[in-house]
Amino acid sequence: MKKYNVGVVGASGAVGEELFKILEEQNFPIAKLIPIASARSAGEEIEAFGEKHVIQELTPEIFAKENIEIAFFSAGGEVSAEFALHAAKAGAVVIDNTSYFRMDKDVPLVVPEVNPQDIALWKKKGIIANPNCSTIQMVQVLSPLHQKYTIKRVDVSTYQAVSGAGKKGMEELIMQMQKFFAFELEEAESKAFPHRIALNLIPQIDKFMPNDYTKEEMKMIDETNKILHSNIAISATCVRVPILRSHSESITITFENEVDSNEAKKLLEGAKNIVVCDEPEKLLYPMPMIATDTDETYVGRIRNDLFDKKILHLFCVADQIRVGAATNAVRIAQEWIKL
């Protein structure tokens, strides 16, 4: 099997660190691993594949200099905007974890379980976009249902972990909980989030748009339809919750015709990388503690609406650092290699 020179931009971040773990777990065919980050982190070492690798400074020239063939970008939209095209011009396929290229008509937006065929469009710009973390787990669930029954509308409320805001989000929750146990919670600062997150919920993720939806909510709406090649009516309410890892979603799906919840459950049981966890009598349903550090999306509480047989309700959970970012990116790379 051919092996590849792989660069990881954002090597010192939460998603970058997870990428190294998953590449190793998947025995990804790597000839040379090049961790890349800002000048601030350059020179530090990371450990992967049983070896230490020195982080290289991100420059426009690094991709050609290191002959990088696959470049994972996980360092924020501004970094991707400035450097992704340099990587593509140097001959690398760029798999971008940021939002910068997602709605670009010349960049495929891919969840391999849903639309792997779109990867073939990567040559237009040399870039494949990784969707928003909340979008990925939702479309994994929606896709088999849409193919079988045709979805008219989706209403989703998310319960998103603080790690969705990176290391700083996790550190802030831990710091505030420490303050709580020291009876000093009211003195805790909020920097990563607009309000205190400990013992609280914040119904805002990202900035508000002129339509009163947040940027995160609009990502879920626009990205879902791009991935599914659909025109489904979607509404989202995204909420930050005080847990460290794994996003949860409560989803209401309206179909063209009546759908039996037991049939839908069987369909999801056969879907790739989905685990149906739905035995209410045994108190079994998806929770963040089940999904964390796994590569599957867990689905449960699957039930018909009490008043309309065309409506299903369900609850899904996935580790957003893995399924919602790093794992999806590696799966994209694996599909790209097959091409």
C-alpha atoms as a PDB file:
ATOM      1  CA  MET A   1       0.000   0.000   0.000  1.00  0.00           C
ATOM      2  CA  LYS A   2       1.231   3.474  -0.852  1.00  0.00           C
ATOM      3  CA  LYS A   3       2.143   5.623   2.133  1.00  0.00           C
ATOM      4  CA  TYR A   4       1.639   9.374   2.364  1.00  0.00           C
ATOM      5  CA  ASN A   5       3.342  12.437   3.800  1.00  0.00           C
ATOM      6  CA  VAL A   6       0.691  13.797   6.164  1.00  0.00           C
ATOM      7  CA  GLY A   7       0.643  17.295   7.627  1.00  0.00           C
ATOM      8  CA  VAL A   8      -1.555  18.317  10.553  1.00  0.00           C
ATOM      9  CA  VAL A   9      -2.079  22.078  10.871  1.00  0.00           C
ATOM     10  CA  GLY A  10      -3.179  22.933  14.390  1.00  0.00           C
ATOM     11  CA  ALA A  11      -1.130  20.096  15.856  1.00  0.00           C
ATOM     12  CA  SER A  12      -1.233  21.483  19.403  1.00  0.00           C
ATOM     13  CA  GLY A  13      -5.031  21.943  19.539  1.00  0.00           C
ATOM     14  CA  ALA A  14      -7.724  19.596  20.823  1.00  0.00           C
ATOM     15  CA  VAL A  15      -8.737  18.310  17.370  1.00  0.00           C
ATOM     16  CA  GLY A  16      -5.106  18.084  16.244  1.00  0.00           C
ATOM     17  CA  GLU A  17      -4.229  15.929  19.234  1.00  0.00           C
ATOM     18  CA  GLU A  18      -7.229  13.690  18.527  1.00  0.00           C
ATOM     19  CA  LEU A  19      -6.213  13.384  14.872  1.00  0.00           C
ATOM     20  CA  PHE A  20      -2.879  11.878  15.872  1.00  0.00           C
ATOM     21  CA  LYS A  21      -4.642   9.321  18.080  1.00  0.00           C
ATOM     22  CA  ILE A  22      -7.086   8.316  15.343  1.00  0.00           C
ATOM     23  CA  LEU A  23      -4.446   8.131  12.606  1.00  0.00           C
ATOM     24  CA  GLU A  24      -2.533   5.750  14.856  1.00  0.00           C
ATOM     25  CA  GLU A  25      -5.607   3.708  15.819  1.00  0.00           C
ATOM     26  CA  GLN A  26      -6.588   3.363  12.149  1.00  0.00           C
ATOM     27  CA  ASN A  27      -3.034   2.399  11.147  1.00  0.00           C
ATOM     28  CA  PHE A  28      -3.205   5.154   8.537  1.00  0.00           C
ATOM     29  CA  PRO A  29      -0.614   4.676   5.751  1.00  0.00           C
ATOM     30  CA  ILE A  30       1.853   7.393   6.762  1.00  0.00           C
ATOM     31  CA  ALA A  31       5.320   7.726   5.255  1.00  0.00           C
ATOM     32  CA  LYS A  32       6.090  10.900   7.200  1.00  0.00           C
ATOM     33  CA  LEU A  33       4.065  12.792   9.800  1.00  0.00           C
ATOM     34  CA  ILE A  34       4.535  16.571   9.901  1.00  0.00           C
ATOM     35  CA  PRO A  35       2.872  18.368  12.831  1.00  0.00           C
ATOM     36  CA  ILE A  36       2.421  22.067  12.054  1.00  0.00           C
ATOM     37  CA  ALA A  37       1.346  24.988  14.223  1.00  0.00           C
ATOM     38  CA  SER A  38       1.945  28.689  14.800  1.00  0.00           C
ATOM     39  CA  ALA A  39       5.358  30.074  15.678  1.00  0.00           C
ATOM     40  CA  ARG A  40       4.270  30.001  19.331  1.00  0.00           C
ATOM     41  CA  SER A  41       4.131  26.182  19.347  1.00  0.00           C
ATOM     42  CA  ALA A  42       6.887  25.509  16.801  1.00  0.00           C
ATOM     43  CA  GLY A  43       9.757  23.491  18.251  1.00  0.00           C
ATOM     44  CA  GLU A  44       7.565  21.637  20.744  1.00  0.00           C
ATOM     45  CA  GLU A  45       7.259  17.872  20.437  1.00  0.00           C
ATOM     46  CA  ILE A  46       4.232  15.636  20.061  1.00  0.00           C
ATOM     47  CA  GLU A  47       4.239  11.859  20.351  1.00  0.00           C
ATOM     48  CA  ALA A  48       2.533   9.688  17.724  1.00  0.00           C
ATOM     49  CA  PHE A  49       3.152   6.259  16.234  1.00  0.00           C
ATOM     50  CA  GLY A  50       5.590   5.571  19.078  1.00  0.00           C
ATOM     51  CA  GLU A  51       7.899   8.413  18.066  1.00  0.00           C
ATOM     52  CA  LYS A  52       8.423  12.060  18.929  1.00  0.00           C
ATOM     53  CA  HIS A  53       7.796  14.604  16.183  1.00  0.00           C
ATOM     54  CA  VAL A  54       8.874  18.242  16.293  1.00  0.00           C
ATOM     55  CA  ILE A  55       6.143  20.758  15.482  1.00  0.00           C
ATOM     56  CA  GLN A  56       7.024  22.809  12.407  1.00  0.00           C
ATOM     57  CA  GLU A  57       6.093  26.466  11.998  1.00  0.00           C
ATOM     58  CA  LEU A  58       3.184  27.151   9.651  1.00  0.00           C
ATOM     59  CA  THR A  59       4.386  29.050   6.574  1.00  0.00           C
ATOM     60  CA  PRO A  60       3.157  29.131   2.955  1.00  0.00           C
ATOM     61  CA  GLU A  61       6.274  27.173   1.953  1.00  0.00           C
ATOM     62  CA  ILE A  62       6.056  24.319   4.469  1.00  0.00           C
ATOM     63  CA  PHE A  63       3.763  22.171   2.283  1.00  0.00           C
ATOM     64  CA  ALA A  64       6.050  22.100  -0.740  1.00  0.00           C
ATOM     65  CA  LYS A  65       9.160  21.893   1.424  1.00  0.00           C
ATOM     66  CA  GLU A  66       7.896  18.767   3.222  1.00  0.00           C
ATOM     67  CA  ASN A  67       6.197  17.347   0.093  1.00  0.00           C
ATOM     68  CA  ILE A  68       2.921  17.047   2.012  1.00  0.00           C
ATOM     69  CA  GLU A  69       0.306  14.955   0.175  1.00  0.00           C
ATOM     70  CA  ILE A  70      -2.543  15.070   2.720  1.00  0.00           C
ATOM     71  CA  ALA A  71      -3.000  18.184   4.870  1.00  0.00           C
ATOM     72  CA  PHE A  72      -5.468  18.230   7.769  1.00  0.00           C
ATOM     73  CA  PHE A  73      -6.365  21.776   8.847  1.00  0.00           C
ATOM     74  CA  SER A  74      -7.718  22.278  12.392  1.00  0.00           C
ATOM     75  CA  ALA A  75      -6.434  25.704  13.405  1.00  0.00           C
ATOM     76  CA  GLY A  76      -9.394  28.021  12.814  1.00  0.00           C
ATOM     77  CA  GLY A  77     -11.019  29.625   9.807  1.00  0.00           C
ATOM     78  CA  GLU A  78      -8.542  32.502   9.504  1.00  0.00           C
ATOM     79  CA  VAL A  79      -5.634  30.063   9.250  1.00  0.00           C
ATOM     80  CA  SER A  80      -7.433  27.977   6.618  1.00  0.00           C
ATOM     81  CA  ALA A  81      -8.295  31.132   4.676  1.00  0.00           C
ATOM     82  CA  GLU A  82      -4.635  32.148   4.583  1.00  0.00           C
ATOM     83  CA  PHE A  83      -2.865  28.816   4.117  1.00  0.00           C
ATOM     84  CA  ALA A  84      -5.183  26.101   2.715  1.00  0.00           C
ATOM     85  CA  LEU A  85      -4.798  27.188  -0.903  1.00  0.00           C
ATOM     86  CA  HIS A  86      -0.989  27.240  -0.488  1.00  0.00           C
ATOM     87  CA  ALA A  87      -1.197  23.586   0.563  1.00  0.00           C
ATOM     88  CA  ALA A  88      -3.460  22.711  -2.362  1.00  0.00           C
ATOM     89  CA  LYS A  89      -1.196  24.511  -4.838  1.00  0.00           C
ATOM     90  CA  ALA A  90       1.739  22.517  -3.460  1.00  0.00           C
ATOM     91  CA  GLY A  91      -0.106  19.333  -4.449  1.00  0.00           C
ATOM     92  CA  ALA A  92      -1.729  18.317  -1.158  1.00  0.00           C
ATOM     93  CA  VAL A  93      -5.360  17.382  -0.733  1.00  0.00           C
ATOM     94  CA  VAL A  94      -6.610  19.652   2.056  1.00  0.00           C
ATOM     95  CA  ILE A  95      -9.141  18.279   4.536  1.00  0.00           C
ATOM     96  CA  ASP A  96     -10.352  21.356   6.350  1.00  0.00           C
ATOM     97  CA  ASN A  97     -12.020  21.099   9.756  1.00  0.00           C
ATOM     98  CA  THR A  98     -12.966  24.777   9.879  1.00  0.00           C
ATOM     99  CA  SER A  99     -16.082  26.503   8.554  1.00  0.00           C
ATOM    100  CA  TYR A 100     -14.228  28.653   6.018  1.00  0.00           C
ATOM    101  CA  PHE A 101     -14.786  26.572   2.853  1.00  0.00           C
ATOM    102  CA  ARG A 102     -17.910  24.629   3.810  1.00  0.00           C
ATOM    103  CA  MET A 103     -20.419  26.538   1.706  1.00  0.00           C
ATOM    104  CA  ASP A 104     -18.032  27.181  -1.190  1.00  0.00           C
ATOM    105  CA  LYS A 105     -19.752  25.711  -4.267  1.00  0.00           C
ATOM    106  CA  ASP A 106     -16.416  24.383  -5.542  1.00  0.00           C
ATOM    107  CA  VAL A 107     -15.554  22.564  -2.291  1.00  0.00           C
ATOM    108  CA  PRO A 108     -17.269  19.272  -1.405  1.00  0.00           C
ATOM    109  CA  LEU A 109     -18.692  19.068   2.111  1.00  0.00           C
ATOM    110  CA  VAL A 110     -18.464  15.433   3.127  1.00  0.00           C
ATOM    111  CA  VAL A 111     -19.681  12.927   5.688  1.00  0.00           C
ATOM    112  CA  PRO A 112     -18.400   9.607   4.269  1.00  0.00           C
ATOM    113  CA  GLU A 113     -21.372   7.581   5.523  1.00  0.00           C
ATOM    114  CA  VAL A 114     -23.717   9.963   3.675  1.00  0.00           C
ATOM    115  CA  ASN A 115     -22.152  11.469   0.522  1.00  0.00           C
ATOM    116  CA  PRO A 116     -18.775   9.818  -0.220  1.00  0.00           C
ATOM    117  CA  GLN A 117     -19.379  10.353  -3.936  1.00  0.00           C
ATOM    118  CA  ASP A 118     -18.851  14.104  -3.449  1.00  0.00           C
ATOM    119  CA  ILE A 119     -15.182  13.531  -2.585  1.00  0.00           C
ATOM    120  CA  ALA A 120     -14.544  13.180  -6.332  1.00  0.00           C
ATOM    121  CA  LEU A 121     -15.153  16.940  -6.629  1.00  0.00           C
ATOM    122  CA  TRP A 122     -12.047  17.725  -4.555  1.00  0.00           C
ATOM    123  CA  LYS A 123      -9.933  18.552  -7.622  1.00  0.00           C
ATOM    124  CA  LYS A 124     -11.791  21.805  -8.244  1.00  0.00           C
ATOM    125  CA  LYS A 125      -9.857  23.541  -5.444  1.00  0.00           C
ATOM    126  CA  GLY A 126      -7.873  20.718  -3.892  1.00  0.00           C
ATOM    127  CA  ILE A 127      -9.950  21.058  -0.724  1.00  0.00           C
ATOM    128  CA  ILE A 128     -12.537  18.866   1.037  1.00  0.00           C
ATOM    129  CA  ALA A 129     -14.480  20.492   3.880  1.00  0.00           C
ATOM    130  CA  ASN A 130     -15.321  18.727   7.120  1.00  0.00           C
ATOM    131  CA  PRO A 131     -18.827  19.780   8.302  1.00  0.00           C
ATOM    132  CA  ASN A 132     -19.749  21.328  11.618  1.00  0.00           C
ATOM    133  CA  CYS A 133     -19.612  18.840  14.496  1.00  0.00           C
ATOM    134  CA  SER A 134     -23.359  19.056  15.223  1.00  0.00           C
ATOM    135  CA  THR A 135     -24.191  18.652  11.541  1.00  0.00           C
ATOM    136  CA  ILE A 136     -22.146  15.467  11.127  1.00  0.00           C
ATOM    137  CA  GLN A 137     -23.953  13.393  13.743  1.00  0.00           C
ATOM    138  CA  MET A 138     -27.347  14.706  12.646  1.00  0.00           C
ATOM    139  CA  VAL A 139     -26.916  13.898   8.935  1.00  0.00           C
ATOM    140  CA  GLN A 140     -25.638  10.421   9.810  1.00  0.00           C
ATOM    141  CA  VAL A 141     -29.054   9.828  11.373  1.00  0.00           C
ATOM    142  CA  LEU A 142     -31.142  11.741   8.840  1.00  0.00           C
ATOM    143  CA  SER A 143     -29.617  10.255   5.687  1.00  0.00           C
ATOM    144  CA  PRO A 144     -30.951   6.665   5.875  1.00  0.00           C
ATOM    145  CA  LEU A 145     -34.353   7.957   7.004  1.00  0.00           C
ATOM    146  CA  HIS A 146     -34.490  10.504   4.188  1.00  0.00           C
ATOM    147  CA  GLN A 147     -33.513   7.920   1.569  1.00  0.00           C
ATOM    148  CA  LYS A 148     -36.273   5.583   2.728  1.00  0.00           C
ATOM    149  CA  TYR A 149     -39.100   7.910   3.721  1.00  0.00           C
ATOM    150  CA  THR A 150     -38.338  11.457   2.419  1.00  0.00           C
ATOM    151  CA  ILE A 151     -38.001  14.142   5.084  1.00  0.00           C
ATOM    152  CA  LYS A 152     -40.033  17.370   4.829  1.00  0.00           C
ATOM    153  CA  ARG A 153     -38.851  19.162   7.970  1.00  0.00           C
ATOM    154  CA  VAL A 154     -36.365  18.847  10.836  1.00  0.00           C
ATOM    155  CA  ASP A 155     -36.457  20.648  14.193  1.00  0.00           C
ATOM    156  CA  VAL A 156     -33.364  20.124  16.325  1.00  0.00           C
ATOM    157  CA  SER A 157     -32.193  21.329  19.720  1.00  0.00           C
ATOM    158  CA  THR A 158     -28.570  20.664  20.578  1.00  0.00           C
ATOM    159  CA  TYR A 159     -26.855  20.250  23.943  1.00  0.00           C
ATOM    160  CA  GLN A 160     -23.224  20.960  23.101  1.00  0.00           C
ATOM    161  CA  ALA A 161     -20.223  20.196  25.289  1.00  0.00           C
ATOM    162  CA  VAL A 162     -17.706  22.863  26.262  1.00  0.00           C
ATOM    163  CA  SER A 163     -14.951  21.090  24.309  1.00  0.00           C
ATOM    164  CA  GLY A 164     -16.739  22.384  21.212  1.00  0.00           C
ATOM    165  CA  ALA A 165     -14.970  25.637  22.098  1.00  0.00           C
ATOM    166  CA  GLY A 166     -11.594  23.874  22.310  1.00  0.00           C
ATOM    167  CA  LYS A 167      -9.231  23.503  25.237  1.00  0.00           C
ATOM    168  CA  LYS A 168     -10.115  26.925  26.568  1.00  0.00           C
ATOM    169  CA  GLY A 169     -13.741  25.857  26.917  1.00  0.00           C
ATOM    170  CA  MET A 170     -12.868  22.759  28.922  1.00  0.00           C
ATOM    171  CA  GLU A 171     -10.430  24.670  31.106  1.00  0.00           C
ATOM    172  CA  GLU A 172     -13.053  27.320  31.854  1.00  0.00           C
ATOM    173  CA  LEU A 173     -15.659  24.783  33.009  1.00  0.00           C
ATOM    174  CA  ILE A 174     -13.110  22.999  35.220  1.00  0.00           C
ATOM    175  CA  MET A 175     -11.910  26.312  36.699  1.00  0.00           C
ATOM    176  CA  GLN A 176     -15.467  27.439  37.437  1.00  0.00           C
ATOM    177  CA  MET A 177     -16.381  24.132  39.083  1.00  0.00           C
ATOM    178  CA  GLN A 178     -13.276  24.420  41.249  1.00  0.00           C
ATOM    179  CA  LYS A 179     -14.502  27.885  42.228  1.00  0.00           C
ATOM    180  CA  PHE A 180     -17.912  26.395  43.030  1.00  0.00           C
ATOM    181  CA  PHE A 181     -16.453  23.849  45.457  1.00  0.00           C
ATOM    182  CA  ALA A 182     -14.406  26.642  47.039  1.00  0.00           C
ATOM    183  CA  PHE A 183     -17.646  28.696  47.442  1.00  0.00           C
ATOM    184  CA  GLU A 184     -16.239  31.309  45.046  1.00  0.00           C
ATOM    185  CA  LEU A 185     -18.337  30.645  41.923  1.00  0.00           C
ATOM    186  CA  GLU A 186     -19.714  34.192  41.755  1.00  0.00           C
ATOM    187  CA  GLU A 187     -16.136  35.436  41.325  1.00  0.00           C
ATOM    188  CA  ALA A 188     -15.413  33.148  38.369  1.00  0.00           C
ATOM    189  CA  GLU A 189     -14.587  34.881  35.104  1.00  0.00           C
ATOM    190  CA  SER A 190     -16.197  33.974  31.779  1.00  0.00           C
ATOM    191  CA  LYS A 191     -13.879  34.312  28.791  1.00  0.00           C
ATOM    192  CA  ALA A 192     -14.574  31.336  26.505  1.00  0.00           C
ATOM    193  CA  PHE A 193     -18.364  31.798  26.768  1.00  0.00           C
ATOM    194  CA  PRO A 194     -20.661  34.847  26.996  1.00  0.00           C
ATOM    195  CA  HIS A 195     -21.861  33.799  30.463  1.00  0.00           C
ATOM    196  CA  ARG A 196     -20.768  31.492  33.268  1.00  0.00           C
ATOM    197  CA  ILE A 197     -21.101  27.887  32.059  1.00  0.00           C
ATOM    198  CA  ALA A 198     -20.772  26.026  35.376  1.00  0.00           C
ATOM    199  CA  LEU A 199     -24.224  25.029  36.693  1.00  0.00           C
ATOM    200  CA  ASN A 200     -25.778  26.870  33.765  1.00  0.00           C
ATOM    201  CA  LEU A 201     -26.997  26.501  30.162  1.00  0.00           C
ATOM    202  CA  ILE A 202     -26.306  29.082  27.458  1.00  0.00           C
ATOM    203  CA  PRO A 203     -28.743  29.144  24.504  1.00  0.00           C
ATOM    204  CA  GLN A 204     -26.156  30.792  22.281  1.00  0.00           C
ATOM    205  CA  ILE A 205     -23.285  29.244  20.299  1.00  0.00           C
ATOM    206  CA  ASP A 206     -21.395  31.664  18.054  1.00  0.00           C
ATOM    207  CA  LYS A 207     -22.705  35.106  17.050  1.00  0.00           C
ATOM    208  CA  PHE A 208     -26.318  36.063  16.410  1.00  0.00           C
ATOM    209  CA  MET A 209     -27.249  36.730  12.792  1.00  0.00           C
ATOM    210  CA  PRO A 210     -29.758  39.374  11.556  1.00  0.00           C
ATOM    211  CA  ASN A 211     -32.490  36.670  11.469  1.00  0.00           C
ATOM    212  CA  ASP A 212     -31.973  36.018  15.239  1.00  0.00           C
ATOM    213  CA  TYR A 213     -30.516  32.558  14.594  1.00  0.00           C
ATOM    214  CA  THR A 214     -26.912  32.070  15.642  1.00  0.00           C
ATOM    215  CA  LYS A 215     -24.118  31.298  13.224  1.00  0.00           C
ATOM    216  CA  GLU A 216     -23.940  27.743  14.641  1.00  0.00           C
ATOM    217  CA  GLU A 217     -27.639  27.209  13.994  1.00  0.00           C
ATOM    218  CA  MET A 218     -27.346  28.480  10.416  1.00  0.00           C
ATOM    219  CA  LYS A 219     -24.391  26.129   9.850  1.00  0.00           C
ATOM    220  CA  MET A 220     -26.588  23.152  10.762  1.00  0.00           C
ATOM    221  CA  ILE A 221     -29.355  24.346   8.425  1.00  0.00           C
ATOM    222  CA  ASP A 222     -27.210  25.185   5.396  1.00  0.00           C
ATOM    223  CA  GLU A 223     -24.683  22.374   5.713  1.00  0.00           C
ATOM    224  CA  THR A 224     -27.314  19.648   6.143  1.00  0.00           C
ATOM    225  CA  ASN A 225     -28.988  20.541   2.870  1.00  0.00           C
ATOM    226  CA  LYS A 226     -25.665  20.792   1.041  1.00  0.00           C
ATOM    227  CA  ILE A 227     -24.593  17.330   2.248  1.00  0.00           C
ATOM    228  CA  LEU A 228     -27.965  15.685   1.557  1.00  0.00           C
ATOM    229  CA  HIS A 229     -28.454  17.559  -1.739  1.00  0.00           C
ATOM    230  CA  SER A 230     -31.872  18.474  -0.374  1.00  0.00           C
ATOM    231  CA  ASN A 231     -34.119  21.412   0.354  1.00  0.00           C
ATOM    232  CA  ILE A 232     -35.460  20.316   3.738  1.00  0.00           C
ATOM    233  CA  ALA A 233     -37.025  22.920   6.045  1.00  0.00           C
ATOM    234  CA  ILE A 234     -34.796  22.953   9.147  1.00  0.00           C
ATOM    235  CA  SER A 235     -34.824  24.908  12.384  1.00  0.00           C
ATOM    236  CA  ALA A 236     -32.099  24.622  15.023  1.00  0.00           C
ATOM    237  CA  THR A 237     -31.592  25.873  18.566  1.00  0.00           C
ATOM    238  CA  CYS A 238     -28.020  25.333  19.764  1.00  0.00           C
ATOM    239  CA  VAL A 239     -27.305  25.292  23.497  1.00  0.00           C
ATOM    240  CA  ARG A 240     -23.992  25.091  25.360  1.00  0.00           C
ATOM    241  CA  VAL A 241     -24.163  22.756  28.374  1.00  0.00           C
ATOM    242  CA  PRO A 242     -21.719  22.212  31.246  1.00  0.00           C
ATOM    243  CA  ILE A 243     -20.267  18.855  30.239  1.00  0.00           C
ATOM    244  CA  LEU A 244     -16.764  18.297  28.928  1.00  0.00           C
ATOM    245  CA  ARG A 245     -17.284  16.154  25.879  1.00  0.00           C
ATOM    246  CA  SER A 246     -19.875  14.780  23.402  1.00  0.00           C
ATOM    247  CA  HIS A 247     -22.746  16.705  21.850  1.00  0.00           C
ATOM    248  CA  SER A 248     -26.372  15.632  22.275  1.00  0.00           C
ATOM    249  CA  GLU A 249     -29.284  16.453  19.973  1.00  0.00           C
ATOM    250  CA  SER A 250     -33.048  16.177  20.336  1.00  0.00           C
ATOM    251  CA  ILE A 251     -34.434  15.852  16.814  1.00  0.00           C
ATOM    252  CA  THR A 252     -38.024  16.016  15.545  1.00  0.00           C
ATOM    253  CA  ILE A 253     -38.408  14.797  11.950  1.00  0.00           C
ATOM    254  CA  THR A 254     -41.486  15.346   9.788  1.00  0.00           C
ATOM    255  CA  PHE A 255     -41.847  12.993   6.800  1.00  0.00           C
ATOM    256  CA  GLU A 256     -43.896  13.080   3.614  1.00  0.00           C
ATOM    257  CA  ASN A 257     -45.884  10.037   4.768  1.00  0.00           C
ATOM    258  CA  GLU A 258     -46.535   8.067   7.945  1.00  0.00           C
ATOM    259  CA  VAL A 259     -43.509   6.271   9.436  1.00  0.00           C
ATOM    260  CA  ASP A 260     -43.533   3.452  11.977  1.00  0.00           C
ATOM    261  CA  SER A 261     -41.004   4.023  14.753  1.00  0.00           C
ATOM    262  CA  ASN A 262     -40.089   0.318  14.939  1.00  0.00           C
ATOM    263  CA  GLU A 263     -39.325   0.237  11.217  1.00  0.00           C
ATOM    264  CA  ALA A 264     -37.233   3.387  11.560  1.00  0.00           C
ATOM    265  CA  LYS A 265     -35.348   1.790  14.457  1.00  0.00           C
ATOM    266  CA  LYS A 266     -34.512  -1.288  12.357  1.00  0.00           C
ATOM    267  CA  LEU A 267     -33.360   0.948   9.506  1.00  0.00           C
ATOM    268  CA  LEU A 268     -31.010   2.865  11.800  1.00  0.00           C
ATOM    269  CA  GLU A 269     -29.695  -0.381  13.287  1.00  0.00           C
ATOM    270  CA  GLY A 270     -28.395  -1.248   9.819  1.00  0.00           C
ATOM    271  CA  ALA A 271     -26.842   2.166   9.168  1.00  0.00           C
ATOM    272  CA  LYS A 272     -23.065   2.529   9.135  1.00  0.00           C
ATOM    273  CA  ASN A 273     -21.382   3.824  12.317  1.00  0.00           C
ATOM    274  CA  ILE A 274     -24.715   4.245  14.112  1.00  0.00           C
ATOM    275  CA  VAL A 275     -25.505   2.423  17.353  1.00  0.00           C
ATOM    276  CA  VAL A 276     -29.153   2.208  18.349  1.00  0.00           C
ATOM    277  CA  CYS A 277     -29.349   2.427  22.133  1.00  0.00           C
ATOM    278  CA  ASP A 278     -33.064   2.363  22.805  1.00  0.00           C
ATOM    279  CA  GLU A 279     -34.424   0.178  25.614  1.00  0.00           C
ATOM    280  CA  PRO A 280     -36.398   2.537  27.863  1.00  0.00           C
ATOM    281  CA  GLU A 281     -37.559  -0.314  30.095  1.00  0.00           C
ATOM    282  CA  LYS A 282     -33.877  -0.913  30.981  1.00  0.00           C
ATOM    283  CA  LEU A 283     -33.138   2.840  31.173  1.00  0.00           C
ATOM    284  CA  LEU A 284     -30.888   2.498  28.124  1.00  0.00           C
ATOM    285  CA  TYR A 285     -30.622   5.583  25.919  1.00  0.00           C
ATOM    286  CA  PRO A 286     -27.781   7.682  24.466  1.00  0.00           C
ATOM    287  CA  MET A 287     -25.775   9.823  26.884  1.00  0.00           C
ATOM    288  CA  PRO A 288     -22.469  11.712  26.579  1.00  0.00           C
ATOM    289  CA  MET A 289     -20.767   9.310  28.991  1.00  0.00           C
ATOM    290  CA  ILE A 290     -21.524   6.444  26.576  1.00  0.00           C
ATOM    291  CA  ALA A 291     -20.417   8.237  23.418  1.00  0.00           C
ATOM    292  CA  THR A 292     -17.202   9.844  24.685  1.00  0.00           C
ATOM    293  CA  ASP A 293     -13.997   8.433  23.155  1.00  0.00           C
ATOM    294  CA  THR A 294     -15.922   6.392  20.578  1.00  0.00           C
ATOM    295  CA  ASP A 295     -16.338   6.703  16.809  1.00  0.00           C
ATOM    296  CA  GLU A 296     -20.066   5.981  16.594  1.00  0.00           C
ATOM    297  CA  THR A 297     -23.222   8.082  16.785  1.00  0.00           C
ATOM    298  CA  TYR A 298     -25.653   6.740  19.386  1.00  0.00           C
ATOM    299  CA  VAL A 299     -29.399   7.018  18.724  1.00  0.00           C
ATOM    300  CA  GLY A 300     -32.326   6.330  21.028  1.00  0.00           C
ATOM    301  CA  ARG A 301     -35.692   7.555  22.362  1.00  0.00           C
ATOM    302  CA  ILE A 302     -37.038   6.770  18.869  1.00  0.00           C
ATOM    303  CA  ARG A 303     -40.793   7.246  19.010  1.00  0.00           C
ATOM    304  CA  ASN A 304     -43.761   8.387  16.986  1.00  0.00           C
ATOM    305  CA  ASP A 305     -45.398  11.688  17.729  1.00  0.00           C
ATOM    306  CA  LEU A 306     -48.605  11.239  19.730  1.00  0.00           C
ATOM    307  CA  PHE A 307     -50.685  13.363  17.357  1.00  0.00           C
ATOM    308  CA  ASP A 308     -49.121  12.938  13.913  1.00  0.00           C
ATOM    309  CA  LYS A 309     -47.855   9.608  12.525  1.00  0.00           C
ATOM    310  CA  LYS A 310     -45.715  11.473  10.008  1.00  0.00           C
ATOM    311  CA  ILE A 311     -43.485  12.729  12.838  1.00  0.00           C
ATOM    312  CA  LEU A 312     -40.671  10.909  14.655  1.00  0.00           C
ATOM    313  CA  HIS A 313     -38.765  12.104  17.702  1.00  0.00           C
ATOM    314  CA  LEU A 314     -35.306  10.817  18.640  1.00  0.00           C
ATOM    315  CA  PHE A 315     -32.193  11.668  20.636  1.00  0.00           C
ATOM    316  CA  CYS A 316     -28.625  11.242  19.400  1.00  0.00           C
ATOM    317  CA  VAL A 317     -25.187  11.682  20.972  1.00  0.00           C
ATOM    318  CA  ALA A 318     -21.679  11.606  19.523  1.00  0.00           C
ATOM    319  CA  ASP A 319     -18.175  12.567  20.603  1.00  0.00           C
ATOM    320  CA  GLN A 320     -17.822  15.819  18.695  1.00  0.00           C
ATOM    321  CA  ILE A 321     -14.011  15.864  18.818  1.00  0.00           C
ATOM    322  CA  ARG A 322     -13.898  12.440  17.180  1.00  0.00           C
ATOM    323  CA  VAL A 323     -17.096  11.806  15.172  1.00  0.00           C
ATOM    324  CA  GLY A 324     -17.693  15.542  14.781  1.00  0.00           C
ATOM    325  CA  ALA A 325     -14.178  16.418  13.665  1.00  0.00           C
ATOM    326  CA  ALA A 326     -11.099  14.173  13.736  1.00  0.00           C
ATOM    327  CA  THR A 327     -12.692  10.802  12.930  1.00  0.00           C
ATOM    328  CA  ASN A 328     -14.742  12.251  10.078  1.00  0.00           C
ATOM    329  CA  ALA A 329     -11.618  13.919   8.679  1.00  0.00           C
ATOM    330  CA  VAL A 330      -9.651  10.658   8.740  1.00  0.00           C
ATOM    331  CA  ARG A 331     -12.570   8.789   7.139  1.00  0.00           C
ATOM    332  CA  ILE A 332     -12.596  11.407   4.369  1.00  0.00           C
ATOM    333  CA  ALA A 333      -8.882  10.822   3.820  1.00  0.00           C
ATOM    334  CA  GLN A 334      -9.419   7.055   3.689  1.00  0.00           C
ATOM    335  CA  GLU A 335     -12.148   7.473   1.052  1.00  0.00           C
ATOM    336  CA  TRP A 336      -9.955   9.889  -0.898  1.00  0.00           C
ATOM    337  CA  ILE A 337      -7.168   7.300  -0.978  1.00  0.00           C
ATOM    338  CA  LYS A 338      -9.599   4.771  -2.491  1.00  0.00           C
ATOM    339  CA  LEU A 339     -10.149   7.198  -5.382  1.00  0.00           C
END
